[in-house]
C-alpha cells in the first residue's frame, strides 16, 4: 500500500510500526525476563493492533543473556501470532534452527561497517553477505520471509561515518537480491532527517519493502522515522519507553519509542484508549526492569492537561 496521499504528501498513517521491545529493547537490560512475561507482552502488543513484532534473537545467550529462551517464546505462540513476529538471525544455521522451531519471519542482520560486523557477529561483512543466499534458501524452504537488515547504515562506533554508496552496493549485490525487505538501521542514532530521507530515496531496493530502524540518541528518532517514510519506508521500528540499544555498539542508546511513533503516525487502530493501554504496558515493563521511560508521548499521556483526549484519566 502506498503511503502517498492524493496531494503527494506522505500519509504517515499508512506507515506501519514494528515493535522491537522483546528483542532490541531487552538486549541491553541486565535482567532476563521470564518467557511467560515476554509472551504476555507480545500478546498485549498484538491485541492492541501493532501489526508486527520482533520477539527475540538467535544470538548466543552467553553473549546476549536477555535473549535466552527465544525459542521457548516461539513454542508458546500460535501460527497466526507467529505470522506477525520476527526473529533476529545472523547465519544460515540460525535460520535453520529457528525455522525448525516454527519461526517464519527472519531478520538477517549484518553491519555495513566491517569493524562493527566483527564486533557484533564475529566475521567480516563480506562473509555475512556471502552466506546470505543459504539463509534465504533456508527461509524460503520453510515457507517464510527474510529481511536484509543493514546495521550501521549511517555511522559506525569504530569507523565513523559510513559511505552511502557502500549501503547501496550491498542492497544491489545479487547475493542479497532475494530478501523480501531491506532494513536500514541508524544503530547509533546519529543520523539526521535529510540524510535519512536521501538514503531511503536512493537506496535502490526495487520492489522490496523498505524498513527503518532508528535510535533516539540525539533526539531525532521520530523525525528520522518520518523522513524515512518520506523516502519510501513502509515500516518503522520502535520499542516501548524507548528501551534498548546494541551491546556491541558503544554510544548506542534506546530505540525510538513506540508510543512516540504511534502518536506521530496515527494508524487507524490507534485510539486514546489503545495508546493508554500501551503506555501502561510500557510502564509495567520498565518498572520490572528498573529502567526509566524515554518516551515523550508516555510522559504527555501522564500530564495534567485533562481536556486533551490523549491524556490518561482516572489512573
C-alpha atoms as a PDB file:
ATOM      1  CA  UNK A   1       0.000   0.000   0.000  1.00  0.00           C
ATOM      2  CA  UNK A   2       1.330   3.443  -0.948  1.00  0.00           C
ATOM      3  CA  UNK A   3       1.963   5.969   1.793  1.00  0.00           C
ATOM      4  CA  UNK A   4       1.390   8.893  -0.554  1.00  0.00           C
ATOM      5  CA  UNK A   5      -1.793  10.951  -0.201  1.00  0.00           C
ATOM      6  CA  UNK A   6      -3.691  12.465  -3.127  1.00  0.00           C
ATOM      7  CA  UNK A   7      -1.713  15.672  -2.653  1.00  0.00           C
ATOM      8  CA  UNK A   8       1.591  13.804  -2.959  1.00  0.00           C
ATOM      9  CA  UNK A   9       2.455  14.283   0.721  1.00  0.00           C
ATOM     10  CA  UNK A  10       3.312  11.268   2.846  1.00  0.00           C
ATOM     11  CA  UNK A  11       0.324   9.713   4.595  1.00  0.00           C
ATOM     12  CA  UNK A  12       2.072   8.688   7.783  1.00  0.00           C
ATOM     13  CA  UNK A  13      -0.946   6.703   8.969  1.00  0.00           C
ATOM     14  CA  UNK A  14      -0.043   4.141   6.278  1.00  0.00           C
ATOM     15  CA  UNK A  15       3.459   3.660   7.702  1.00  0.00           C
ATOM     16  CA  UNK A  16       3.347   0.619   9.970  1.00  0.00           C
ATOM     17  CA  UNK A  17       5.063   0.150  13.330  1.00  0.00           C
ATOM     18  CA  UNK A  18       7.083  -2.923  14.196  1.00  0.00           C
ATOM     19  CA  UNK A  19       7.576  -3.055  17.944  1.00  0.00           C
ATOM     20  CA  UNK A  20      11.044  -4.410  18.803  1.00  0.00           C
ATOM     21  CA  UNK A  21      10.780  -4.263  22.601  1.00  0.00           C
ATOM     22  CA  UNK A  22      11.234  -8.013  23.006  1.00  0.00           C
ATOM     23  CA  UNK A  23      14.486  -8.076  21.034  1.00  0.00           C
ATOM     24  CA  UNK A  24      16.353  -4.826  20.613  1.00  0.00           C
ATOM     25  CA  UNK A  25      14.546  -3.324  23.571  1.00  0.00           C
ATOM     26  CA  UNK A  26      15.579  -6.012  26.038  1.00  0.00           C
ATOM     27  CA  UNK A  27      19.057  -6.915  24.855  1.00  0.00           C
ATOM     28  CA  UNK A  28      20.903  -4.228  26.840  1.00  0.00           C
ATOM     29  CA  UNK A  29      18.999  -4.793  30.072  1.00  0.00           C
ATOM     30  CA  UNK A  30      20.605  -6.622  32.952  1.00  0.00           C
ATOM     31  CA  UNK A  31      17.588  -8.789  33.708  1.00  0.00           C
ATOM     32  CA  UNK A  32      16.335 -11.856  31.849  1.00  0.00           C
ATOM     33  CA  UNK A  33      12.550 -11.726  31.793  1.00  0.00           C
ATOM     34  CA  UNK A  34      10.575 -14.919  32.231  1.00  0.00           C
ATOM     35  CA  UNK A  35       9.297 -16.411  28.999  1.00  0.00           C
ATOM     36  CA  UNK A  36       5.717 -16.083  30.240  1.00  0.00           C
ATOM     37  CA  UNK A  37       6.182 -12.342  30.789  1.00  0.00           C
ATOM     38  CA  UNK A  38       7.530 -11.904  27.276  1.00  0.00           C
ATOM     39  CA  UNK A  39       4.738 -13.961  25.730  1.00  0.00           C
ATOM     40  CA  UNK A  40       2.154 -11.896  27.608  1.00  0.00           C
ATOM     41  CA  UNK A  41       3.718  -8.663  26.358  1.00  0.00           C
ATOM     42  CA  UNK A  42       3.756  -9.951  22.783  1.00  0.00           C
ATOM     43  CA  UNK A  43       0.061 -10.742  23.044  1.00  0.00           C
ATOM     44  CA  UNK A  44      -0.699  -7.323  24.562  1.00  0.00           C
ATOM     45  CA  UNK A  45       1.005  -5.619  21.622  1.00  0.00           C
ATOM     46  CA  UNK A  46      -0.677  -7.821  19.030  1.00  0.00           C
ATOM     47  CA  UNK A  47      -4.094  -7.341  20.649  1.00  0.00           C
ATOM     48  CA  UNK A  48      -3.584  -3.575  20.586  1.00  0.00           C
ATOM     49  CA  UNK A  49      -3.250  -3.768  16.809  1.00  0.00           C
ATOM     50  CA  UNK A  50       0.531  -3.442  16.402  1.00  0.00           C
ATOM     51  CA  UNK A  51       0.950  -5.239  13.074  1.00  0.00           C
ATOM     52  CA  UNK A  52       4.442  -6.684  13.503  1.00  0.00           C
ATOM     53  CA  UNK A  53       6.812  -7.502  16.377  1.00  0.00           C
ATOM     54  CA  UNK A  54      10.371  -8.605  16.948  1.00  0.00           C
ATOM     55  CA  UNK A  55      10.190 -11.282  19.620  1.00  0.00           C
ATOM     56  CA  UNK A  56      13.785 -12.402  20.084  1.00  0.00           C
ATOM     57  CA  UNK A  57      17.146 -13.350  18.698  1.00  0.00           C
ATOM     58  CA  UNK A  58      19.202 -16.399  17.843  1.00  0.00           C
ATOM     59  CA  UNK A  59      22.285 -14.694  19.316  1.00  0.00           C
ATOM     60  CA  UNK A  60      24.156 -16.842  21.810  1.00  0.00           C
ATOM     61  CA  UNK A  61      22.657 -16.394  25.297  1.00  0.00           C
ATOM     62  CA  UNK A  62      26.120 -16.239  26.851  1.00  0.00           C
ATOM     63  CA  UNK A  63      26.796 -13.144  24.726  1.00  0.00           C
ATOM     64  CA  UNK A  64      23.322 -11.572  24.947  1.00  0.00           C
ATOM     65  CA  UNK A  65      21.702 -13.089  28.073  1.00  0.00           C
ATOM     66  CA  UNK A  66      18.293 -11.344  27.779  1.00  0.00           C
ATOM     67  CA  UNK A  67      17.693 -13.256  24.537  1.00  0.00           C
ATOM     68  CA  UNK A  68      17.760 -16.642  26.278  1.00  0.00           C
ATOM     69  CA  UNK A  69      14.508 -18.505  25.781  1.00  0.00           C
ATOM     70  CA  UNK A  70      13.591 -17.012  22.403  1.00  0.00           C
ATOM     71  CA  UNK A  71      12.570 -20.392  21.001  1.00  0.00           C
ATOM     72  CA  UNK A  72      10.523 -21.058  24.140  1.00  0.00           C
ATOM     73  CA  UNK A  73       8.544 -17.914  23.290  1.00  0.00           C
ATOM     74  CA  UNK A  74       8.073 -19.196  19.753  1.00  0.00           C
ATOM     75  CA  UNK A  75       6.755 -22.503  21.115  1.00  0.00           C
ATOM     76  CA  UNK A  76       4.006 -20.705  23.058  1.00  0.00           C
ATOM     77  CA  UNK A  77       2.732 -18.527  20.206  1.00  0.00           C
ATOM     78  CA  UNK A  78       0.158 -19.698  17.680  1.00  0.00           C
ATOM     79  CA  UNK A  79       0.931 -19.884  13.943  1.00  0.00           C
ATOM     80  CA  UNK A  80      -1.280 -16.829  13.367  1.00  0.00           C
ATOM     81  CA  UNK A  81       0.648 -14.893  16.011  1.00  0.00           C
ATOM     82  CA  UNK A  82       3.982 -16.025  14.570  1.00  0.00           C
ATOM     83  CA  UNK A  83       2.928 -14.725  11.148  1.00  0.00           C
ATOM     84  CA  UNK A  84       3.311 -11.226  12.666  1.00  0.00           C
ATOM     85  CA  UNK A  85       6.558 -11.898  14.535  1.00  0.00           C
ATOM     86  CA  UNK A  86      10.233 -11.616  13.520  1.00  0.00           C
ATOM     87  CA  UNK A  87      13.359 -13.220  14.962  1.00  0.00           C
ATOM     88  CA  UNK A  88      16.896 -11.812  14.536  1.00  0.00           C
ATOM     89  CA  UNK A  89      19.352 -14.134  12.781  1.00  0.00           C
ATOM     90  CA  UNK A  90      22.914 -13.742  11.515  1.00  0.00           C
ATOM     91  CA  UNK A  91      23.781 -17.089   9.895  1.00  0.00           C
ATOM     92  CA  UNK A  92      22.104 -19.760   7.755  1.00  0.00           C
ATOM     93  CA  UNK A  93      22.298 -22.095  10.743  1.00  0.00           C
ATOM     94  CA  UNK A  94      20.321 -19.577  12.800  1.00  0.00           C
ATOM     95  CA  UNK A  95      17.594 -19.646  10.150  1.00  0.00           C
ATOM     96  CA  UNK A  96      17.511 -23.436  10.055  1.00  0.00           C
ATOM     97  CA  UNK A  97      17.295 -23.761  13.823  1.00  0.00           C
ATOM     98  CA  UNK A  98      14.637 -21.082  14.160  1.00  0.00           C
ATOM     99  CA  UNK A  99      12.607 -22.499  11.268  1.00  0.00           C
ATOM    100  CA  UNK A 100      12.613 -25.932  12.882  1.00  0.00           C
ATOM    101  CA  UNK A 101      11.069 -24.314  15.978  1.00  0.00           C
ATOM    102  CA  UNK A 102       8.277 -22.678  13.979  1.00  0.00           C
ATOM    103  CA  UNK A 103       9.693 -19.232  13.105  1.00  0.00           C
ATOM    104  CA  UNK A 104       8.639 -17.984   9.671  1.00  0.00           C
ATOM    105  CA  UNK A 105       9.927 -14.387   9.635  1.00  0.00           C
ATOM    106  CA  UNK A 106      13.695 -13.928   9.795  1.00  0.00           C
ATOM    107  CA  UNK A 107      15.658 -10.684  10.109  1.00  0.00           C
ATOM    108  CA  UNK A 108      19.103 -11.473   8.670  1.00  0.00           C
ATOM    109  CA  UNK A 109      21.385  -8.811  10.075  1.00  0.00           C
ATOM    110  CA  UNK A 110      24.854  -7.692   9.090  1.00  0.00           C
ATOM    111  CA  UNK A 111      26.698  -4.420   9.501  1.00  0.00           C
ATOM    112  CA  UNK A 112      27.727  -2.170   6.658  1.00  0.00           C
ATOM    113  CA  UNK A 113      30.902  -1.479   8.611  1.00  0.00           C
ATOM    114  CA  UNK A 114      33.376  -4.349   8.862  1.00  0.00           C
ATOM    115  CA  UNK A 115      34.519  -3.234  12.299  1.00  0.00           C
ATOM    116  CA  UNK A 116      31.019  -3.392  13.736  1.00  0.00           C
ATOM    117  CA  UNK A 117      30.176  -6.653  11.951  1.00  0.00           C
ATOM    118  CA  UNK A 118      33.227  -8.253  13.519  1.00  0.00           C
ATOM    119  CA  UNK A 119      32.280  -6.918  16.970  1.00  0.00           C
ATOM    120  CA  UNK A 120      28.617  -7.855  16.618  1.00  0.00           C
ATOM    121  CA  UNK A 121      28.698 -11.091  14.634  1.00  0.00           C
ATOM    122  CA  UNK A 122      32.344 -12.161  14.659  1.00  0.00           C
ATOM    123  CA  UNK A 123      33.045 -12.075  10.923  1.00  0.00           C
ATOM    124  CA  UNK A 124      33.560  -9.640   8.080  1.00  0.00           C
ATOM    125  CA  UNK A 125      30.630  -8.033   6.318  1.00  0.00           C
ATOM    126  CA  UNK A 126      31.682  -9.853   3.148  1.00  0.00           C
ATOM    127  CA  UNK A 127      31.423 -13.199   4.928  1.00  0.00           C
ATOM    128  CA  UNK A 128      27.898 -12.334   6.061  1.00  0.00           C
ATOM    129  CA  UNK A 129      26.894 -11.268   2.548  1.00  0.00           C
ATOM    130  CA  UNK A 130      28.383 -14.434   1.068  1.00  0.00           C
ATOM    131  CA  UNK A 131      26.321 -16.573   3.450  1.00  0.00           C
ATOM    132  CA  UNK A 132      23.031 -14.815   2.767  1.00  0.00           C
ATOM    133  CA  UNK A 133      21.887 -16.923  -0.228  1.00  0.00           C
ATOM    134  CA  UNK A 134      21.957 -20.008   2.010  1.00  0.00           C
ATOM    135  CA  UNK A 135      19.988 -18.152   4.674  1.00  0.00           C
ATOM    136  CA  UNK A 136      17.422 -17.063   2.065  1.00  0.00           C
ATOM    137  CA  UNK A 137      17.111 -20.619   0.767  1.00  0.00           C
ATOM    138  CA  UNK A 138      16.506 -21.944   4.291  1.00  0.00           C
ATOM    139  CA  UNK A 139      13.857 -19.286   4.951  1.00  0.00           C
ATOM    140  CA  UNK A 140      12.049 -19.956   1.668  1.00  0.00           C
ATOM    141  CA  UNK A 141      12.175 -23.698   2.210  1.00  0.00           C
ATOM    142  CA  UNK A 142      10.329 -23.123   5.486  1.00  0.00           C
ATOM    143  CA  UNK A 143       7.725 -21.009   3.679  1.00  0.00           C
ATOM    144  CA  UNK A 144       8.964 -17.874   5.402  1.00  0.00           C
ATOM    145  CA  UNK A 145      10.067 -14.316   4.737  1.00  0.00           C
ATOM    146  CA  UNK A 146      13.541 -12.897   5.240  1.00  0.00           C
ATOM    147  CA  UNK A 147      14.823  -9.358   5.589  1.00  0.00           C
ATOM    148  CA  UNK A 148      18.211  -7.929   4.755  1.00  0.00           C
ATOM    149  CA  UNK A 149      18.946  -5.772   7.801  1.00  0.00           C
ATOM    150  CA  UNK A 150      21.891  -3.397   7.476  1.00  0.00           C
ATOM    151  CA  UNK A 151      23.179  -2.168  10.835  1.00  0.00           C
ATOM    152  CA  UNK A 152      25.439   0.920  10.952  1.00  0.00           C
ATOM    153  CA  UNK A 153      23.901   2.174   7.703  1.00  0.00           C
ATOM    154  CA  UNK A 154      24.756   5.763   8.669  1.00  0.00           C
ATOM    155  CA  UNK A 155      27.600   5.735  11.195  1.00  0.00           C
ATOM    156  CA  UNK A 156      29.815   3.164  12.895  1.00  0.00           C
ATOM    157  CA  UNK A 157      31.050   3.441  16.503  1.00  0.00           C
ATOM    158  CA  UNK A 158      34.533   2.353  15.394  1.00  0.00           C
ATOM    159  CA  UNK A 159      34.937   3.738  11.851  1.00  0.00           C
ATOM    160  CA  UNK A 160      32.771   6.866  11.949  1.00  0.00           C
ATOM    161  CA  UNK A 161      30.585   7.992   9.012  1.00  0.00           C
ATOM    162  CA  UNK A 162      29.531   5.276   6.569  1.00  0.00           C
ATOM    163  CA  UNK A 163      29.677   5.898   2.813  1.00  0.00           C
ATOM    164  CA  UNK A 164      26.108   5.734   1.421  1.00  0.00           C
ATOM    165  CA  UNK A 165      27.485   4.066  -1.696  1.00  0.00           C
ATOM    166  CA  UNK A 166      28.587   1.158   0.482  1.00  0.00           C
ATOM    167  CA  UNK A 167      24.972   0.747   1.634  1.00  0.00           C
ATOM    168  CA  UNK A 168      23.646   0.985  -1.899  1.00  0.00           C
ATOM    169  CA  UNK A 169      26.245  -1.520  -3.067  1.00  0.00           C
ATOM    170  CA  UNK A 170      25.167  -4.162  -0.534  1.00  0.00           C
ATOM    171  CA  UNK A 171      21.491  -3.635  -1.386  1.00  0.00           C
ATOM    172  CA  UNK A 172      22.330  -4.037  -5.098  1.00  0.00           C
ATOM    173  CA  UNK A 173      24.517  -7.107  -4.560  1.00  0.00           C
ATOM    174  CA  UNK A 174      22.952 -10.142  -6.324  1.00  0.00           C
ATOM    175  CA  UNK A 175      23.551 -12.219  -3.193  1.00  0.00           C
ATOM    176  CA  UNK A 176      21.096 -10.067  -1.212  1.00  0.00           C
ATOM    177  CA  UNK A 177      18.550  -9.649  -4.006  1.00  0.00           C
ATOM    178  CA  UNK A 178      16.067 -12.281  -2.822  1.00  0.00           C
ATOM    179  CA  UNK A 179      15.363 -10.654   0.540  1.00  0.00           C
ATOM    180  CA  UNK A 180      11.738  -9.659   0.968  1.00  0.00           C
ATOM    181  CA  UNK A 181      12.553  -6.408   2.797  1.00  0.00           C
ATOM    182  CA  UNK A 182      15.517  -4.089   3.231  1.00  0.00           C
ATOM    183  CA  UNK A 183      16.055  -2.635   6.714  1.00  0.00           C
ATOM    184  CA  UNK A 184      18.363   0.355   7.144  1.00  0.00           C
ATOM    185  CA  UNK A 185      19.424   0.886  10.752  1.00  0.00           C
ATOM    186  CA  UNK A 186      20.642   4.068  12.376  1.00  0.00           C
ATOM    187  CA  UNK A 187      22.353   1.969  15.037  1.00  0.00           C
ATOM    188  CA  UNK A 188      23.858   4.885  16.953  1.00  0.00           C
ATOM    189  CA  UNK A 189      21.021   7.376  16.477  1.00  0.00           C
ATOM    190  CA  UNK A 190      23.414   9.890  14.912  1.00  0.00           C
ATOM    191  CA  UNK A 191      21.646  10.397  11.580  1.00  0.00           C
ATOM    192  CA  UNK A 192      19.600  13.478  10.731  1.00  0.00           C
ATOM    193  CA  UNK A 193      16.359  13.678   8.721  1.00  0.00           C
ATOM    194  CA  UNK A 194      17.751  14.941   5.397  1.00  0.00           C
ATOM    195  CA  UNK A 195      20.398  12.214   5.486  1.00  0.00           C
ATOM    196  CA  UNK A 196      17.815   9.509   6.225  1.00  0.00           C
ATOM    197  CA  UNK A 197      15.353  10.744   3.594  1.00  0.00           C
ATOM    198  CA  UNK A 198      18.073  10.858   0.932  1.00  0.00           C
ATOM    199  CA  UNK A 199      19.408   7.369   1.611  1.00  0.00           C
ATOM    200  CA  UNK A 200      15.951   5.804   1.561  1.00  0.00           C
ATOM    201  CA  UNK A 201      15.030   7.638  -1.635  1.00  0.00           C
ATOM    202  CA  UNK A 202      18.204   6.491  -3.415  1.00  0.00           C
ATOM    203  CA  UNK A 203      18.967   3.062  -1.949  1.00  0.00           C
ATOM    204  CA  UNK A 204      17.514   1.209  -4.936  1.00  0.00           C
ATOM    205  CA  UNK A 205      15.612  -1.598  -3.216  1.00  0.00           C
ATOM    206  CA  UNK A 206      13.296  -2.196  -6.160  1.00  0.00           C
ATOM    207  CA  UNK A 207      10.049  -3.904  -5.146  1.00  0.00           C
ATOM    208  CA  UNK A 208      11.363  -4.867  -1.728  1.00  0.00           C
ATOM    209  CA  UNK A 209       9.711  -3.208   1.243  1.00  0.00           C
ATOM    210  CA  UNK A 210      11.869  -0.606   2.971  1.00  0.00           C
ATOM    211  CA  UNK A 211      12.119  -0.539   6.775  1.00  0.00           C
ATOM    212  CA  UNK A 212      13.763   1.994   9.095  1.00  0.00           C
ATOM    213  CA  UNK A 213      15.273   1.011  12.426  1.00  0.00           C
ATOM    214  CA  UNK A 214      16.121   4.155  14.372  1.00  0.00           C
ATOM    215  CA  UNK A 215      17.564   5.067  17.738  1.00  0.00           C
ATOM    216  CA  UNK A 216      16.878   8.270  19.630  1.00  0.00           C
ATOM    217  CA  UNK A 217      20.345   9.080  20.973  1.00  0.00           C
ATOM    218  CA  UNK A 218      20.331  12.624  19.585  1.00  0.00           C
ATOM    219  CA  UNK A 219      16.570  13.132  19.855  1.00  0.00           C
ATOM    220  CA  UNK A 220      15.944  12.513  16.157  1.00  0.00           C
ATOM    221  CA  UNK A 221      14.170   9.145  16.394  1.00  0.00           C
ATOM    222  CA  UNK A 222      10.678  10.260  15.369  1.00  0.00           C
ATOM    223  CA  UNK A 223      11.932  12.895  12.910  1.00  0.00           C
ATOM    224  CA  UNK A 224      14.190  10.356  11.236  1.00  0.00           C
ATOM    225  CA  UNK A 225      11.388   7.786  11.074  1.00  0.00           C
ATOM    226  CA  UNK A 226       9.095  10.265   9.331  1.00  0.00           C
ATOM    227  CA  UNK A 227      11.938  11.248   6.997  1.00  0.00           C
ATOM    228  CA  UNK A 228      12.466   7.575   6.164  1.00  0.00           C
ATOM    229  CA  UNK A 229       8.762   7.347   5.321  1.00  0.00           C
ATOM    230  CA  UNK A 230       9.140  10.386   3.053  1.00  0.00           C
ATOM    231  CA  UNK A 231      11.924   8.472   1.302  1.00  0.00           C
ATOM    232  CA  UNK A 232       9.855   5.324   0.840  1.00  0.00           C
ATOM    233  CA  UNK A 233       9.964   3.350   4.112  1.00  0.00           C
ATOM    234  CA  UNK A 234       6.748   1.468   4.854  1.00  0.00           C
ATOM    235  CA  UNK A 235       7.675   0.051   8.267  1.00  0.00           C
ATOM    236  CA  UNK A 236       9.469   1.729  11.182  1.00  0.00           C
ATOM    237  CA  UNK A 237      10.820   0.131  14.345  1.00  0.00           C
ATOM    238  CA  UNK A 238      10.219   1.257  17.901  1.00  0.00           C
ATOM    239  CA  UNK A 239      10.305  -0.052  21.472  1.00  0.00           C
ATOM    240  CA  UNK A 240       8.097   0.722  24.438  1.00  0.00           C
ATOM    241  CA  UNK A 241       9.530   3.532  26.522  1.00  0.00           C
ATOM    242  CA  UNK A 242      12.441   3.927  24.099  1.00  0.00           C
ATOM    243  CA  UNK A 243      14.059   0.895  25.703  1.00  0.00           C
ATOM    244  CA  UNK A 244      17.156  -0.732  24.245  1.00  0.00           C
ATOM    245  CA  UNK A 245      20.353  -0.381  22.276  1.00  0.00           C
ATOM    246  CA  UNK A 246      23.154  -2.502  20.861  1.00  0.00           C
ATOM    247  CA  UNK A 247      25.528  -4.217  23.322  1.00  0.00           C
ATOM    248  CA  UNK A 248      28.289  -4.170  20.690  1.00  0.00           C
ATOM    249  CA  UNK A 249      27.963  -0.510  19.663  1.00  0.00           C
ATOM    250  CA  UNK A 250      29.460   1.918  22.186  1.00  0.00           C
ATOM    251  CA  UNK A 251      27.322   5.053  22.307  1.00  0.00           C
ATOM    252  CA  UNK A 252      24.081   3.427  21.173  1.00  0.00           C
ATOM    253  CA  UNK A 253      21.161   4.394  23.377  1.00  0.00           C
ATOM    254  CA  UNK A 254      17.492   3.475  23.339  1.00  0.00           C
ATOM    255  CA  UNK A 255      15.262   2.807  20.365  1.00  0.00           C
ATOM    256  CA  UNK A 256      12.754   5.333  19.160  1.00  0.00           C
ATOM    257  CA  UNK A 257       9.777   4.961  21.487  1.00  0.00           C
ATOM    258  CA  UNK A 258       6.829   3.033  20.048  1.00  0.00           C
ATOM    259  CA  UNK A 259       4.438   5.354  21.887  1.00  0.00           C
ATOM    260  CA  UNK A 260       6.022   8.382  20.181  1.00  0.00           C
ATOM    261  CA  UNK A 261       5.909   6.800  16.722  1.00  0.00           C
ATOM    262  CA  UNK A 262       2.272   5.850  17.121  1.00  0.00           C
ATOM    263  CA  UNK A 263       1.304   9.306  18.358  1.00  0.00           C
ATOM    264  CA  UNK A 264       3.089  10.825  15.343  1.00  0.00           C
ATOM    265  CA  UNK A 265       1.758   8.490  12.659  1.00  0.00           C
ATOM    266  CA  UNK A 266      -1.799   7.846  13.971  1.00  0.00           C
ATOM    267  CA  UNK A 267      -2.534   4.470  12.334  1.00  0.00           C
ATOM    268  CA  UNK A 268      -6.199   3.533  12.056  1.00  0.00           C
ATOM    269  CA  UNK A 269      -6.138   1.224  15.067  1.00  0.00           C
ATOM    270  CA  UNK A 270      -4.746   3.867  17.414  1.00  0.00           C
ATOM    271  CA  UNK A 271      -7.259   5.425  19.778  1.00  0.00           C
ATOM    272  CA  UNK A 272      -6.613   7.221  23.068  1.00  0.00           C
ATOM    273  CA  UNK A 273      -7.647   4.017  24.871  1.00  0.00           C
ATOM    274  CA  UNK A 274      -5.180   1.888  22.854  1.00  0.00           C
ATOM    275  CA  UNK A 275      -2.366   4.366  23.477  1.00  0.00           C
ATOM    276  CA  UNK A 276      -3.211   4.336  27.191  1.00  0.00           C
ATOM    277  CA  UNK A 277      -3.010   0.535  27.253  1.00  0.00           C
ATOM    278  CA  UNK A 278       0.410   0.622  25.588  1.00  0.00           C
ATOM    279  CA  UNK A 279       1.662   3.333  27.942  1.00  0.00           C
ATOM    280  CA  UNK A 280       0.590   1.195  30.905  1.00  0.00           C
ATOM    281  CA  UNK A 281       2.242  -1.897  29.394  1.00  0.00           C
ATOM    282  CA  UNK A 282       5.473   0.054  28.930  1.00  0.00           C
ATOM    283  CA  UNK A 283       5.331   1.358  32.478  1.00  0.00           C
ATOM    284  CA  UNK A 284       4.887  -2.140  33.902  1.00  0.00           C
ATOM    285  CA  UNK A 285       7.788  -3.482  31.847  1.00  0.00           C
ATOM    286  CA  UNK A 286      10.139  -0.643  32.707  1.00  0.00           C
ATOM    287  CA  UNK A 287       9.285  -0.912  36.407  1.00  0.00           C
ATOM    288  CA  UNK A 288      10.117  -4.615  36.365  1.00  0.00           C
ATOM    289  CA  UNK A 289      13.416  -3.916  34.613  1.00  0.00           C
ATOM    290  CA  UNK A 290      14.319  -0.902  36.760  1.00  0.00           C
ATOM    291  CA  UNK A 291      14.565   1.271  33.643  1.00  0.00           C
ATOM    292  CA  UNK A 292      13.275   4.780  33.026  1.00  0.00           C
ATOM    293  CA  UNK A 293      10.955   5.718  30.181  1.00  0.00           C
ATOM    294  CA  UNK A 294      12.361   7.900  27.405  1.00  0.00           C
ATOM    295  CA  UNK A 295       9.000   8.257  25.672  1.00  0.00           C
ATOM    296  CA  UNK A 296       7.759  11.824  25.389  1.00  0.00           C
ATOM    297  CA  UNK A 297       4.283  10.616  24.399  1.00  0.00           C
ATOM    298  CA  UNK A 298       4.111   8.436  27.500  1.00  0.00           C
ATOM    299  CA  UNK A 299       5.097  11.441  29.596  1.00  0.00           C
ATOM    300  CA  UNK A 300       2.487  13.565  27.839  1.00  0.00           C
ATOM    301  CA  UNK A 301      -0.161  10.932  28.435  1.00  0.00           C
ATOM    302  CA  UNK A 302       0.503  11.319  32.171  1.00  0.00           C
ATOM    303  CA  UNK A 303       0.244  15.111  32.128  1.00  0.00           C
ATOM    304  CA  UNK A 304      -2.457  17.157  33.825  1.00  0.00           C
ATOM    305  CA  UNK A 305      -3.942  18.501  30.562  1.00  0.00           C
ATOM    306  CA  UNK A 306      -7.182  16.609  31.112  1.00  0.00           C
ATOM    307  CA  UNK A 307      -9.035  18.403  28.294  1.00  0.00           C
ATOM    308  CA  UNK A 308      -6.810  16.608  25.761  1.00  0.00           C
ATOM    309  CA  UNK A 309      -8.251  13.238  24.728  1.00  0.00           C
ATOM    310  CA  UNK A 310      -4.846  11.529  24.677  1.00  0.00           C
ATOM    311  CA  UNK A 311      -4.136  12.201  28.352  1.00  0.00           C
ATOM    312  CA  UNK A 312      -4.848   9.208  30.585  1.00  0.00           C
ATOM    313  CA  UNK A 313      -7.558   9.990  33.100  1.00  0.00           C
ATOM    314  CA  UNK A 314      -8.528   8.061  36.189  1.00  0.00           C
ATOM    315  CA  UNK A 315      -5.341   6.098  36.921  1.00  0.00           C
END
